[in-house]
Amino acid sequence: MAIMITDECINCGACEPECPNNAIYEGGVEWALEDGTTVKGSVALLDGTLADASERFAPIQEDYYYIVPDKCTECMGFHEEPQCAAVCPVDCCVPDPDRRETEEELLAKKAKLHI
């Protein structure tokens, strides 16, 4: 499953530079699949829709840092644990109960993001 940031976030920013997929954004900032990845061209999102990797999407959260589920791999293939959760001083980086993915799915997502 992807990791999510709860509303307990204090906006310290410790998590953002730790993400190997550039899946963490400051609240209010637009995101794109190509940010920090090698993805180019048309890409299928988790909901099955197609998007251009360079397309900018509206922020998922306005008030605090957020994680883009389409880019989060829980650090699979990079680290033994999600680095955002490891560095968060208030423990607000938690598993997202609405986004359950197997280890195989997370590794496939990693391979898609980093060709």
N, C-alpha and C. Protein backbone atom coordinates (compact mmCIF):
# COMPACT_ATOMS: atom_id res chain seq x y z
N MET A 1 0.83 -1.18 0.00
CA MET A 1 0.00 0.00 0.00
C MET A 1 0.87 1.24 0.00
N ALA A 2 0.35 2.31 -0.48
CA ALA A 2 1.07 3.57 -0.47
C ALA A 2 1.08 4.12 0.96
N ILE A 3 1.98 5.03 1.18
CA ILE A 3 2.03 5.73 2.46
C ILE A 3 1.26 7.03 2.28
N MET A 4 0.65 7.52 3.34
CA MET A 4 -0.05 8.80 3.32
C MET A 4 0.45 9.64 4.48
N ILE A 5 0.26 10.93 4.37
CA ILE A 5 0.63 11.86 5.44
C ILE A 5 -0.67 12.35 6.06
N THR A 6 -0.77 12.22 7.36
CA THR A 6 -2.00 12.63 8.06
C THR A 6 -1.99 14.13 8.33
N ASP A 7 -3.13 14.63 8.78
CA ASP A 7 -3.26 16.05 9.08
C ASP A 7 -2.50 16.46 10.34
N GLU A 8 -1.80 15.52 10.95
CA GLU A 8 -0.94 15.86 12.09
C GLU A 8 0.41 16.40 11.63
N CYS A 9 0.62 16.46 10.32
CA CYS A 9 1.86 16.95 9.73
C CYS A 9 2.15 18.37 10.22
N ILE A 10 3.40 18.62 10.61
CA ILE A 10 3.80 19.95 11.09
C ILE A 10 4.54 20.73 9.99
N ASN A 11 4.54 20.22 8.76
CA ASN A 11 5.18 20.88 7.63
C ASN A 11 6.67 21.12 7.83
N CYS A 12 7.34 20.18 8.46
CA CYS A 12 8.78 20.34 8.69
C CYS A 12 9.59 20.07 7.42
N GLY A 13 9.03 19.26 6.50
CA GLY A 13 9.71 18.97 5.25
C GLY A 13 10.78 17.90 5.32
N ALA A 14 10.93 17.23 6.45
CA ALA A 14 11.97 16.20 6.59
C ALA A 14 11.76 15.04 5.63
N CYS A 15 10.53 14.74 5.31
CA CYS A 15 10.22 13.59 4.47
C CYS A 15 10.54 13.80 2.99
N GLU A 16 10.32 14.99 2.49
CA GLU A 16 10.41 15.25 1.05
C GLU A 16 11.74 14.83 0.42
N PRO A 17 12.89 15.23 0.95
CA PRO A 17 14.14 14.84 0.29
C PRO A 17 14.49 13.35 0.45
N GLU A 18 13.81 12.65 1.32
CA GLU A 18 14.10 11.23 1.56
C GLU A 18 13.44 10.32 0.54
N CYS A 19 12.44 10.81 -0.18
CA CYS A 19 11.67 9.96 -1.09
C CYS A 19 12.44 9.69 -2.38
N PRO A 20 12.74 8.42 -2.68
CA PRO A 20 13.48 8.09 -3.90
C PRO A 20 12.65 8.23 -5.18
N ASN A 21 11.34 8.40 -5.04
CA ASN A 21 10.45 8.53 -6.19
C ASN A 21 9.93 9.95 -6.39
N ASN A 22 10.38 10.87 -5.53
CA ASN A 22 9.87 12.23 -5.57
C ASN A 22 8.34 12.23 -5.53
N ALA A 23 7.80 11.42 -4.64
CA ALA A 23 6.34 11.29 -4.50
C ALA A 23 5.77 12.24 -3.45
N ILE A 24 6.63 12.95 -2.73
CA ILE A 24 6.18 13.82 -1.65
C ILE A 24 6.28 15.27 -2.09
N TYR A 25 5.19 15.99 -1.89
CA TYR A 25 5.11 17.39 -2.29
C TYR A 25 4.62 18.24 -1.14
N GLU A 26 5.07 19.47 -1.12
CA GLU A 26 4.59 20.42 -0.13
C GLU A 26 3.12 20.75 -0.45
N GLY A 27 2.33 20.96 0.57
CA GLY A 27 0.94 21.29 0.37
C GLY A 27 0.78 22.46 -0.58
N GLY A 28 -0.18 22.35 -1.50
CA GLY A 28 -0.46 23.41 -2.45
C GLY A 28 0.37 23.36 -3.72
N VAL A 29 1.34 22.46 -3.81
CA VAL A 29 2.21 22.37 -4.99
C VAL A 29 1.67 21.32 -5.96
N GLU A 30 1.60 21.69 -7.25
CA GLU A 30 1.19 20.74 -8.27
C GLU A 30 2.23 19.64 -8.43
N TRP A 31 1.80 18.48 -8.94
CA TRP A 31 2.72 17.35 -9.12
C TRP A 31 2.61 16.80 -10.53
N ALA A 32 3.67 16.06 -10.94
CA ALA A 32 3.68 15.37 -12.23
C ALA A 32 4.41 14.04 -12.06
N LEU A 33 4.02 13.07 -12.85
CA LEU A 33 4.67 11.76 -12.78
C LEU A 33 6.15 11.84 -13.12
N GLU A 34 6.53 12.72 -14.02
CA GLU A 34 7.93 12.80 -14.44
C GLU A 34 8.84 13.44 -13.40
N ASP A 35 8.30 14.13 -12.42
CA ASP A 35 9.13 14.76 -11.40
C ASP A 35 9.98 13.72 -10.67
N GLY A 36 11.28 13.80 -10.83
CA GLY A 36 12.19 12.90 -10.12
C GLY A 36 12.19 11.46 -10.60
N THR A 37 11.60 11.20 -11.77
CA THR A 37 11.56 9.84 -12.31
C THR A 37 12.05 9.88 -13.76
N THR A 38 12.09 8.73 -14.40
CA THR A 38 12.48 8.67 -15.81
C THR A 38 11.26 8.44 -16.71
N VAL A 39 10.07 8.56 -16.16
CA VAL A 39 8.84 8.32 -16.92
C VAL A 39 8.67 9.40 -17.99
N LYS A 40 8.33 8.96 -19.18
CA LYS A 40 8.05 9.87 -20.29
C LYS A 40 6.82 9.37 -21.04
N GLY A 41 6.13 10.26 -21.72
CA GLY A 41 5.00 9.87 -22.55
C GLY A 41 3.76 9.53 -21.76
N SER A 42 2.92 8.71 -22.36
CA SER A 42 1.64 8.32 -21.78
C SER A 42 1.82 7.23 -20.72
N VAL A 43 1.17 7.43 -19.58
CA VAL A 43 1.30 6.50 -18.46
C VAL A 43 -0.08 6.21 -17.88
N ALA A 44 -0.32 4.96 -17.52
CA ALA A 44 -1.58 4.59 -16.86
C ALA A 44 -1.47 4.88 -15.37
N LEU A 45 -2.42 5.64 -14.85
CA LEU A 45 -2.47 5.91 -13.43
C LEU A 45 -3.11 4.74 -12.70
N LEU A 46 -3.05 4.74 -11.39
CA LEU A 46 -3.61 3.64 -10.61
C LEU A 46 -5.09 3.42 -10.88
N ASP A 47 -5.81 4.48 -11.20
CA ASP A 47 -7.24 4.33 -11.46
C ASP A 47 -7.54 3.91 -12.90
N GLY A 48 -6.48 3.67 -13.69
CA GLY A 48 -6.64 3.19 -15.05
C GLY A 48 -6.67 4.27 -16.12
N THR A 49 -6.79 5.53 -15.71
CA THR A 49 -6.79 6.60 -16.70
C THR A 49 -5.38 6.82 -17.24
N LEU A 50 -5.30 7.32 -18.47
CA LEU A 50 -4.02 7.62 -19.07
C LEU A 50 -3.70 9.09 -18.90
N ALA A 51 -2.44 9.39 -18.63
CA ALA A 51 -2.00 10.77 -18.48
C ALA A 51 -0.61 10.89 -19.07
N ASP A 52 -0.29 12.07 -19.54
CA ASP A 52 1.07 12.33 -20.00
C ASP A 52 1.94 12.53 -18.76
N ALA A 53 3.13 11.98 -18.77
CA ALA A 53 4.02 12.06 -17.61
C ALA A 53 4.34 13.49 -17.22
N SER A 54 4.30 14.41 -18.18
CA SER A 54 4.62 15.81 -17.87
C SER A 54 3.41 16.62 -17.42
N GLU A 55 2.22 16.02 -17.48
CA GLU A 55 1.00 16.72 -17.08
C GLU A 55 1.07 17.11 -15.61
N ARG A 56 0.73 18.36 -15.31
CA ARG A 56 0.72 18.85 -13.94
C ARG A 56 -0.67 18.60 -13.36
N PHE A 57 -0.72 18.03 -12.17
CA PHE A 57 -1.98 17.74 -11.50
C PHE A 57 -2.15 18.67 -10.30
N ALA A 58 -3.39 18.91 -9.96
CA ALA A 58 -3.70 19.74 -8.80
C ALA A 58 -3.15 19.09 -7.54
N PRO A 59 -2.79 19.89 -6.56
CA PRO A 59 -2.29 19.32 -5.29
C PRO A 59 -3.34 18.41 -4.66
N ILE A 60 -2.87 17.34 -4.06
CA ILE A 60 -3.76 16.42 -3.35
C ILE A 60 -4.16 17.03 -2.01
N GLN A 61 -3.29 17.86 -1.48
CA GLN A 61 -3.51 18.50 -0.18
C GLN A 61 -3.02 19.94 -0.26
N GLU A 62 -3.74 20.84 0.32
CA GLU A 62 -3.36 22.26 0.29
C GLU A 62 -2.60 22.70 1.53
N ASP A 63 -2.89 22.09 2.68
CA ASP A 63 -2.40 22.62 3.95
C ASP A 63 -1.14 21.98 4.51
N TYR A 64 -0.80 20.79 4.04
CA TYR A 64 0.40 20.12 4.55
C TYR A 64 0.94 19.19 3.48
N TYR A 65 2.14 18.68 3.71
CA TYR A 65 2.80 17.79 2.74
C TYR A 65 1.89 16.61 2.41
N TYR A 66 2.03 16.10 1.19
CA TYR A 66 1.23 14.96 0.77
C TYR A 66 2.08 14.02 -0.08
N ILE A 67 1.61 12.78 -0.21
CA ILE A 67 2.28 11.76 -1.00
C ILE A 67 1.37 11.38 -2.16
N VAL A 68 1.93 11.35 -3.37
CA VAL A 68 1.17 10.96 -4.56
C VAL A 68 1.15 9.43 -4.62
N PRO A 69 0.00 8.79 -4.45
CA PRO A 69 -0.07 7.33 -4.45
C PRO A 69 0.47 6.69 -5.73
N ASP A 70 0.29 7.36 -6.87
CA ASP A 70 0.78 6.82 -8.14
C ASP A 70 2.30 6.75 -8.20
N LYS A 71 2.98 7.42 -7.29
CA LYS A 71 4.45 7.43 -7.29
C LYS A 71 5.05 6.73 -6.07
N CYS A 72 4.25 6.47 -5.04
CA CYS A 72 4.77 5.87 -3.81
C CYS A 72 4.94 4.36 -3.96
N THR A 73 6.14 3.90 -3.65
CA THR A 73 6.44 2.46 -3.67
C THR A 73 6.81 1.95 -2.29
N GLU A 74 6.54 2.75 -1.27
CA GLU A 74 6.94 2.42 0.10
C GLU A 74 8.44 2.18 0.19
N CYS A 75 9.18 2.76 -0.74
CA CYS A 75 10.65 2.64 -0.83
C CYS A 75 11.11 1.23 -1.20
N MET A 76 10.17 0.37 -1.66
CA MET A 76 10.53 -0.97 -2.12
C MET A 76 11.59 -0.88 -3.22
N GLY A 77 12.60 -1.71 -3.10
CA GLY A 77 13.67 -1.72 -4.08
C GLY A 77 14.73 -0.66 -3.81
N PHE A 78 14.50 0.20 -2.84
CA PHE A 78 15.46 1.24 -2.46
C PHE A 78 15.94 1.06 -1.01
N HIS A 79 14.98 0.89 -0.10
CA HIS A 79 15.28 0.81 1.33
C HIS A 79 14.42 -0.28 1.97
N GLU A 80 14.77 -0.66 3.17
CA GLU A 80 14.02 -1.71 3.86
C GLU A 80 12.73 -1.21 4.49
N GLU A 81 12.59 0.11 4.63
CA GLU A 81 11.38 0.68 5.21
C GLU A 81 11.11 2.02 4.54
N PRO A 82 9.88 2.50 4.58
CA PRO A 82 9.58 3.81 4.01
C PRO A 82 10.39 4.89 4.73
N GLN A 83 11.18 5.61 3.96
CA GLN A 83 12.06 6.61 4.56
C GLN A 83 11.31 7.81 5.11
N CYS A 84 10.18 8.15 4.52
CA CYS A 84 9.39 9.27 5.06
C CYS A 84 8.97 8.98 6.50
N ALA A 85 8.51 7.76 6.73
CA ALA A 85 8.08 7.37 8.08
C ALA A 85 9.27 7.31 9.03
N ALA A 86 10.41 6.88 8.52
CA ALA A 86 11.60 6.76 9.37
C ALA A 86 12.08 8.12 9.88
N VAL A 87 11.92 9.18 9.08
CA VAL A 87 12.44 10.49 9.49
C VAL A 87 11.37 11.43 10.06
N CYS A 88 10.11 11.05 9.98
CA CYS A 88 9.03 11.94 10.43
C CYS A 88 9.07 12.11 11.95
N PRO A 89 9.22 13.36 12.43
CA PRO A 89 9.30 13.57 13.88
C PRO A 89 7.96 13.43 14.62
N VAL A 90 6.85 13.42 13.89
CA VAL A 90 5.54 13.30 14.55
C VAL A 90 4.78 12.05 14.11
N ASP A 91 5.45 11.14 13.44
CA ASP A 91 4.86 9.87 13.02
C ASP A 91 3.55 10.02 12.24
N CYS A 92 3.54 10.97 11.29
CA CYS A 92 2.31 11.16 10.51
C CYS A 92 2.40 10.52 9.12
N CYS A 93 3.48 9.83 8.81
CA CYS A 93 3.59 9.08 7.55
C CYS A 93 3.20 7.64 7.86
N VAL A 94 2.00 7.27 7.43
CA VAL A 94 1.41 5.99 7.81
C VAL A 94 0.89 5.26 6.57
N PRO A 95 0.69 3.95 6.66
CA PRO A 95 0.11 3.22 5.53
C PRO A 95 -1.29 3.76 5.20
N ASP A 96 -1.55 3.89 3.91
CA ASP A 96 -2.85 4.37 3.45
C ASP A 96 -3.78 3.16 3.32
N PRO A 97 -4.81 3.08 4.17
CA PRO A 97 -5.70 1.91 4.14
C PRO A 97 -6.51 1.79 2.85
N ASP A 98 -6.60 2.86 2.08
CA ASP A 98 -7.35 2.84 0.82
C ASP A 98 -6.49 2.41 -0.36
N ARG A 99 -5.20 2.20 -0.15
CA ARG A 99 -4.28 1.87 -1.25
C ARG A 99 -3.45 0.65 -0.88
N ARG A 100 -4.03 -0.51 -1.00
CA ARG A 100 -3.33 -1.75 -0.67
C ARG A 100 -2.67 -2.32 -1.91
N GLU A 101 -1.35 -2.51 -1.85
CA GLU A 101 -0.59 -3.06 -2.97
C GLU A 101 0.35 -4.13 -2.44
N THR A 102 0.58 -5.15 -3.24
CA THR A 102 1.50 -6.21 -2.85
C THR A 102 2.93 -5.74 -3.10
N GLU A 103 3.87 -6.49 -2.56
CA GLU A 103 5.28 -6.19 -2.79
C GLU A 103 5.59 -6.24 -4.29
N GLU A 104 5.01 -7.20 -4.99
CA GLU A 104 5.22 -7.32 -6.43
C GLU A 104 4.69 -6.09 -7.17
N GLU A 105 3.51 -5.61 -6.78
CA GLU A 105 2.94 -4.42 -7.41
C GLU A 105 3.80 -3.19 -7.15
N LEU A 106 4.31 -3.07 -5.92
CA LEU A 106 5.15 -1.92 -5.58
C LEU A 106 6.46 -1.96 -6.37
N LEU A 107 7.04 -3.15 -6.52
CA LEU A 107 8.29 -3.27 -7.29
C LEU A 107 8.04 -3.01 -8.78
N ALA A 108 6.88 -3.41 -9.28
CA ALA A 108 6.54 -3.12 -10.67
C ALA A 108 6.36 -1.62 -10.87
N LYS A 109 5.77 -0.95 -9.91
CA LYS A 109 5.61 0.51 -9.98
C LYS A 109 6.97 1.18 -9.97
N LYS A 110 7.87 0.70 -9.13
CA LYS A 110 9.23 1.23 -9.09
C LYS A 110 9.90 1.08 -10.44
N ALA A 111 9.76 -0.09 -11.05
CA ALA A 111 10.38 -0.34 -12.36
C ALA A 111 9.80 0.59 -13.42
N LYS A 112 8.52 0.90 -13.33
CA LYS A 112 7.88 1.80 -14.28
C LYS A 112 8.37 3.24 -14.10
N LEU A 113 8.60 3.63 -12.85
CA LEU A 113 9.04 5.00 -12.56
C LEU A 113 10.51 5.23 -12.87
N HIS A 114 11.30 4.18 -12.81
CA HIS A 114 12.76 4.32 -12.97
C HIS A 114 13.25 3.34 -14.01
N ILE A 115 13.01 3.65 -15.27
CA ILE A 115 13.37 2.78 -16.38
C ILE A 115 14.87 2.71 -16.53
